[in-house]
C-alpha atoms as a PDB file:
ATOM      1  CA  MET A   1     208.478-157.454 -54.605  1.00  0.00           C
ATOM      2  CA  LEU A   2     206.780-160.737 -55.577  1.00  0.00           C
ATOM      3  CA  SER A   3     203.246-161.225 -54.542  1.00  0.00           C
ATOM      4  CA  GLU A   4     202.224-164.336 -52.428  1.00  0.00           C
ATOM      5  CA  SER A   5     200.449-165.715 -55.012  1.00  0.00           C
ATOM      6  CA  SER A   6     203.657-165.429 -57.104  1.00  0.00           C
ATOM      7  CA  TRP A   7     205.849-166.764 -54.944  1.00  0.00           C
ATOM      8  CA  SER A   8     203.887-169.431 -54.316  1.00  0.00           C
ATOM      9  CA  THR A   9     203.440-170.615 -58.696  1.00  0.00           C
ATOM     10  CA  ALA A  10     207.520-170.287 -58.426  1.00  0.00           C
ATOM     11  CA  ASP A  11     207.821-172.683 -55.418  1.00  0.00           C
ATOM     12  CA  ILE A  12     205.242-175.110 -57.406  1.00  0.00           C
ATOM     13  CA  VAL A  13     207.678-174.761 -60.387  1.00  0.00           C
ATOM     14  CA  ASP A  14     210.663-175.565 -57.981  1.00  0.00           C
ATOM     15  CA  ALA A  15     209.287-178.346 -56.555  1.00  0.00           C
ATOM     16  CA  PHE A  16     208.472-179.989 -59.944  1.00  0.00           C
ATOM     17  CA  GLU A  17     212.048-179.129 -61.782  1.00  0.00           C
ATOM     18  CA  ARG A  18     213.577-180.477 -58.065  1.00  0.00           C
ATOM     19  CA  SER A  19     211.202-183.555 -58.542  1.00  0.00           C
ATOM     20  CA  LEU A  20     212.366-183.957 -61.975  1.00  0.00           C
ATOM     21  CA  GLU A  21     216.124-185.201 -60.547  1.00  0.00           C
ATOM     22  CA  ARG A  22     214.523-188.161 -58.990  1.00  0.00           C
ATOM     23  CA  ILE A  23     212.372-189.309 -61.630  1.00  0.00           C
ATOM     24  CA  GLU A  24     213.574-193.254 -62.271  1.00  0.00           C
ATOM     25  CA  TRP A  25     211.492-193.668 -65.429  1.00  0.00           C
ATOM     26  CA  MET A  26     211.942-191.121 -67.076  1.00  0.00           C
ATOM     27  CA  ASP A  27     215.983-190.789 -69.225  1.00  0.00           C
ATOM     28  CA  GLY A  28     218.335-187.851 -69.450  1.00  0.00           C
ATOM     29  CA  GLU A  29     216.988-186.168 -72.382  1.00  0.00           C
ATOM     30  CA  SER A  30     213.085-186.637 -71.485  1.00  0.00           C
ATOM     31  CA  ALA A  31     214.241-184.894 -68.071  1.00  0.00           C
ATOM     32  CA  ARG A  32     215.894-182.437 -69.962  1.00  0.00           C
ATOM     33  CA  LYS A  33     213.410-181.443 -71.975  1.00  0.00           C
ATOM     34  CA  ALA A  34     211.094-181.014 -69.006  1.00  0.00           C
ATOM     35  CA  GLN A  35     213.313-178.937 -67.307  1.00  0.00           C
ATOM     36  CA  GLU A  36     213.052-177.166 -70.322  1.00  0.00           C
ATOM     37  CA  LYS A  37     209.573-176.599 -70.300  1.00  0.00           C
ATOM     38  CA  ALA A  38     209.530-176.148 -66.743  1.00  0.00           C
ATOM     39  CA  GLU A  39     211.915-173.074 -67.132  1.00  0.00           C
ATOM     40  CA  ALA A  40     209.843-171.768 -69.663  1.00  0.00           C
ATOM     41  CA  ILE A  41     206.454-171.694 -68.246  1.00  0.00           C
ATOM     42  CA  ARG A  42     204.654-168.460 -68.458  1.00  0.00           C
ATOM     43  CA  LYS A  43     204.227-167.253 -64.834  1.00  0.00           C
ATOM     44  CA  LYS A  44     200.955-164.932 -64.934  1.00  0.00           C
ATOM     45  CA  VAL A  45     199.075-164.158 -61.725  1.00  0.00           C
ATOM     46  CA  GLY A  46     196.476-161.547 -61.087  1.00  0.00           C
ATOM     47  CA  PHE A  47     195.541-159.632 -63.935  1.00  0.00           C
ATOM     48  CA  PRO A  48     197.157-159.398 -66.887  1.00  0.00           C
ATOM     49  CA  LEU A  49     199.259-156.241 -67.934  1.00  0.00           C
ATOM     50  CA  SER A  50     199.266-157.165 -71.391  1.00  0.00           C
ATOM     51  CA  PRO A  51     196.126-156.434 -72.717  1.00  0.00           C
ATOM     52  CA  ASP A  52     196.460-153.956 -69.630  1.00  0.00           C
ATOM     53  CA  THR A  53     192.704-154.716 -67.803  1.00  0.00           C
ATOM     54  CA  ARG A  54     192.584-151.491 -66.133  1.00  0.00           C
ATOM     55  CA  ASP A  55     192.891-149.242 -69.273  1.00  0.00           C
ATOM     56  CA  PRO A  56     190.251-149.407 -71.614  1.00  0.00           C
ATOM     57  CA  ARG A  57     192.473-148.514 -74.603  1.00  0.00           C
ATOM     58  CA  SER A  58     194.605-150.926 -74.286  1.00  0.00           C
ATOM     59  CA  LEU A  59     191.582-153.349 -73.832  1.00  0.00           C
ATOM     60  CA  VAL A  60     190.095-151.906 -77.633  1.00  0.00           C
ATOM     61  CA  GLY A  61     193.929-152.072 -79.320  1.00  0.00           C
ATOM     62  CA  TYR A  62     193.861-156.031 -77.991  1.00  0.00           C
ATOM     63  CA  TYR A  63     190.820-157.015 -78.648  1.00  0.00           C
ATOM     64  CA  THR A  64     190.250-155.091 -82.146  1.00  0.00           C
ATOM     65  CA  LEU A  65     192.691-157.324 -83.529  1.00  0.00           C
ATOM     66  CA  VAL A  66     190.470-160.402 -82.312  1.00  0.00           C
ATOM     67  CA  LYS A  67     188.008-161.508 -85.519  1.00  0.00           C
ATOM     68  CA  VAL A  68     184.763-162.796 -84.038  1.00  0.00           C
ATOM     69  CA  HIS A  69     181.459-164.179 -86.471  1.00  0.00           C
ATOM     70  CA  ILE A  70     179.059-166.184 -84.260  1.00  0.00           C
ATOM     71  CA  ASP A  71     179.024-168.833 -86.549  1.00  0.00           C
ATOM     72  CA  THR A  72     182.741-169.775 -86.742  1.00  0.00           C
ATOM     73  CA  PHE A  73     183.939-170.762 -82.884  1.00  0.00           C
ATOM     74  CA  PHE A  74     186.849-172.664 -84.262  1.00  0.00           C
ATOM     75  CA  GLU A  75     188.293-169.777 -85.765  1.00  0.00           C
ATOM     76  CA  ASN A  76     186.818-167.769 -83.231  1.00  0.00           C
ATOM     77  CA  MET A  77     189.319-169.385 -81.104  1.00  0.00           C
ATOM     78  CA  LEU A  78     192.544-169.387 -83.480  1.00  0.00           C
ATOM     79  CA  SER A  79     192.259-165.567 -84.288  1.00  0.00           C
ATOM     80  CA  ALA A  80     191.819-164.808 -80.206  1.00  0.00           C
ATOM     81  CA  ALA A  81     194.958-167.417 -79.993  1.00  0.00           C
ATOM     82  CA  SER A  82     196.880-166.180 -82.917  1.00  0.00           C
ATOM     83  CA  VAL A  83     196.777-162.331 -80.854  1.00  0.00           C
ATOM     84  CA  PHE A  84     197.559-164.206 -77.249  1.00  0.00           C
ATOM     85  CA  PHE A  85     200.182-165.523 -78.353  1.00  0.00           C
ATOM     86  CA  SER A  86     201.850-162.865 -80.951  1.00  0.00           C
END
């Protein structure tokens, strides 16, 4: 069963998808691409399960892969993003 916040997120995406049908300035190809992007939206509401924020071992396993150094902010962000998107 979806939570209330999950329903709200789904409603927002549905409203966006419906609005694509009424946008006059957007050509068909652009509207199709926007539709594909809307379908690809990852609906994450609440606390994440990957890593499972309720499980210390899951957190350690996840963040062990993130390499962080005090003087390399940009590289730190890339490291975190590579773990998040893998």
